[in-house]
Amino acid sequence: MGGARGRNGHAGGWIWMLLAFLPLAAGLALTFRQMLPATVSSAAELARVGFGWPFAWTVQDHRGIASPAEYPAALRYLGERRGAAVSAPTTEVHWGLFALDTVLLWAAVAALLLAGIAVTRRVLRSRRPRARRPRSG
């Protein structure tokens, strides 16, 4: 891949730059878990409500917390709430699925970054003034 090599011919610079986006991808996975609701279709599904995108990597028991009036219902991730008014739901975290979500989101971020760089280079090349050829005559 000639396009993925740095100026000195080594891919190391690109690899380190792309790896730098892993924390961003992990942050996106955590954000999606917090922000995107999970849909349950019945009261039986309240026992195992999955959060995370694209794969549900956190599962919570919402039986004692949520009682939707109708189904399907959208539920939010509750985190670890502490206090007398709201008890924390039982939560399972599947770290393998979290890692898979992170890698998939990282690949998407890296692909968008590389596509953006390629488009920017094309646009800049097309705007460069072309060298004039000397007239022969």
Protein backbone atom coordinates (compact mmCIF):
# COMPACT_ATOMS: atom_id res chain seq x y z
CA MET A 1 0.00 0.00 0.00
CA GLY A 2 1.85 3.01 -1.22
CA GLY A 3 -0.73 5.45 0.15
CA ALA A 4 -0.40 4.28 3.75
CA ARG A 5 3.35 4.88 3.97
CA GLY A 6 4.83 7.96 5.56
CA ARG A 7 7.23 10.35 3.85
CA ASN A 8 10.22 8.22 4.73
CA GLY A 9 8.63 5.08 3.26
CA HIS A 10 7.63 3.47 6.56
CA ALA A 11 4.07 2.80 7.66
CA GLY A 12 4.95 3.32 11.34
CA GLY A 13 3.74 6.93 11.49
CA TRP A 14 0.33 6.02 10.12
CA ILE A 15 0.00 3.04 12.40
CA TRP A 16 0.73 5.13 15.50
CA MET A 17 -1.68 7.82 14.32
CA LEU A 18 -4.43 5.26 13.78
CA LEU A 19 -3.75 3.55 17.12
CA ALA A 20 -4.13 6.94 18.78
CA PHE A 21 -7.81 6.74 17.88
CA LEU A 22 -8.39 3.63 20.04
CA PRO A 23 -9.18 5.72 23.15
CA LEU A 24 -11.63 7.76 21.04
CA ALA A 25 -13.30 4.54 19.90
CA ALA A 26 -13.52 3.27 23.49
CA GLY A 27 -15.06 6.60 24.47
CA LEU A 28 -17.59 6.25 21.65
CA ALA A 29 -18.49 2.76 22.86
CA LEU A 30 -19.06 4.11 26.38
CA THR A 31 -21.04 7.07 25.04
CA PHE A 32 -23.26 4.87 22.88
CA ARG A 33 -23.99 2.69 25.92
CA GLN A 34 -25.07 5.79 27.84
CA MET A 35 -26.97 7.59 25.09
CA LEU A 36 -28.69 4.93 22.98
CA PRO A 37 -31.80 3.38 24.53
CA ALA A 38 -32.45 -0.36 24.51
CA THR A 39 -35.81 -1.58 23.28
CA VAL A 40 -37.70 -4.28 25.17
CA SER A 41 -40.74 -6.01 23.72
CA SER A 42 -42.16 -7.62 26.87
CA ALA A 43 -41.96 -7.63 30.65
CA ALA A 44 -39.88 -10.84 30.47
CA GLU A 45 -37.11 -8.92 28.67
CA LEU A 46 -36.73 -6.51 31.61
CA ALA A 47 -34.54 -9.12 33.33
CA ARG A 48 -31.80 -8.78 30.68
CA VAL A 49 -31.75 -5.37 29.00
CA GLY A 50 -28.69 -5.01 26.76
CA PHE A 51 -26.86 -1.71 26.20
CA GLY A 52 -24.07 -0.88 23.77
CA TRP A 53 -23.70 -0.48 20.04
CA PRO A 54 -23.23 -2.24 17.69
CA PHE A 55 -23.23 -5.12 20.20
CA ALA A 56 -24.85 -5.06 23.65
CA TRP A 57 -21.91 -5.45 26.00
CA THR A 58 -23.62 -4.32 29.23
CA VAL A 59 -26.71 -6.13 30.52
CA GLN A 60 -28.91 -4.78 33.32
CA ASP A 61 -31.86 -6.18 35.27
CA HIS A 62 -34.60 -3.54 35.12
CA ARG A 63 -37.39 -5.63 36.70
CA GLY A 64 -37.45 -3.67 39.95
CA ILE A 65 -36.84 -0.32 38.30
CA ALA A 66 -38.83 -0.04 35.07
CA SER A 67 -42.50 -0.77 34.54
CA PRO A 68 -43.41 0.45 31.06
CA ALA A 69 -47.09 1.11 30.41
CA GLU A 70 -46.86 -0.42 26.93
CA TYR A 71 -44.43 -2.39 24.82
CA PRO A 72 -42.16 -2.05 22.95
CA ALA A 73 -40.50 0.34 25.38
CA ALA A 74 -37.19 2.22 25.20
CA LEU A 75 -35.06 2.02 28.35
CA ARG A 76 -31.93 3.95 29.25
CA TYR A 77 -28.73 2.63 30.82
CA LEU A 78 -28.87 3.51 34.52
CA GLY A 79 -25.22 3.30 35.46
CA GLU A 80 -24.35 2.77 39.06
CA ARG A 81 -26.84 5.01 40.83
CA ARG A 82 -26.51 5.06 44.55
CA GLY A 83 -28.95 6.46 47.03
CA ALA A 84 -32.04 5.64 48.97
CA ALA A 85 -34.48 6.59 46.22
CA VAL A 86 -33.01 4.46 43.41
CA SER A 87 -31.14 1.23 43.93
CA ALA A 88 -28.51 0.25 41.38
CA PRO A 89 -29.64 -2.42 38.94
CA THR A 90 -27.75 -5.69 38.69
CA THR A 91 -25.26 -5.11 35.88
CA GLU A 92 -23.10 -7.52 33.87
CA VAL A 93 -20.28 -6.20 31.69
CA HIS A 94 -18.98 -8.39 28.86
CA TRP A 95 -15.48 -7.04 28.21
CA GLY A 96 -14.94 -9.13 25.09
CA LEU A 97 -17.96 -7.52 23.41
CA PHE A 98 -16.78 -4.10 24.62
CA ALA A 99 -13.42 -4.76 22.95
CA LEU A 100 -15.20 -5.86 19.76
CA ASP A 101 -17.37 -2.71 19.78
CA THR A 102 -14.25 -0.60 20.33
CA VAL A 103 -12.39 -2.24 17.43
CA LEU A 104 -15.36 -1.84 15.08
CA LEU A 105 -15.83 1.80 16.03
CA TRP A 106 -12.07 2.35 15.70
CA ALA A 107 -12.16 0.87 12.19
CA ALA A 108 -15.01 3.21 11.27
CA VAL A 109 -13.18 6.27 12.67
CA ALA A 110 -9.94 5.24 10.93
CA ALA A 111 -11.75 4.67 7.61
CA LEU A 112 -13.43 8.09 7.86
CA LEU A 113 -10.10 9.72 8.69
CA LEU A 114 -8.30 8.06 5.78
CA ALA A 115 -11.16 8.88 3.39
CA GLY A 116 -11.12 12.49 4.57
CA ILE A 117 -7.37 12.71 4.00
CA ALA A 118 -7.70 11.21 0.51
CA VAL A 119 -10.50 13.62 -0.46
CA THR A 120 -8.59 16.59 0.94
CA ARG A 121 -5.49 15.63 -1.04
CA ARG A 122 -7.51 15.31 -4.25
CA VAL A 123 -9.16 18.66 -3.74
CA LEU A 124 -5.83 20.34 -3.01
CA ARG A 125 -4.24 18.73 -6.07
CA SER A 126 -7.07 19.86 -8.30
CA ARG A 127 -6.71 23.47 -7.08
CA ARG A 128 -2.95 23.62 -7.64
CA PRO A 129 -1.98 25.72 -10.63
CA ARG A 130 -0.66 23.53 -13.39
CA ALA A 131 2.76 24.22 -14.83
CA ARG A 132 2.59 25.76 -18.28
CA ARG A 133 4.35 23.99 -21.08
CA PRO A 134 6.69 26.06 -23.14
CA ARG A 135 5.38 26.74 -26.62
CA SER A 136 7.34 25.22 -29.42
CA GLY A 137 7.30 27.21 -32.50
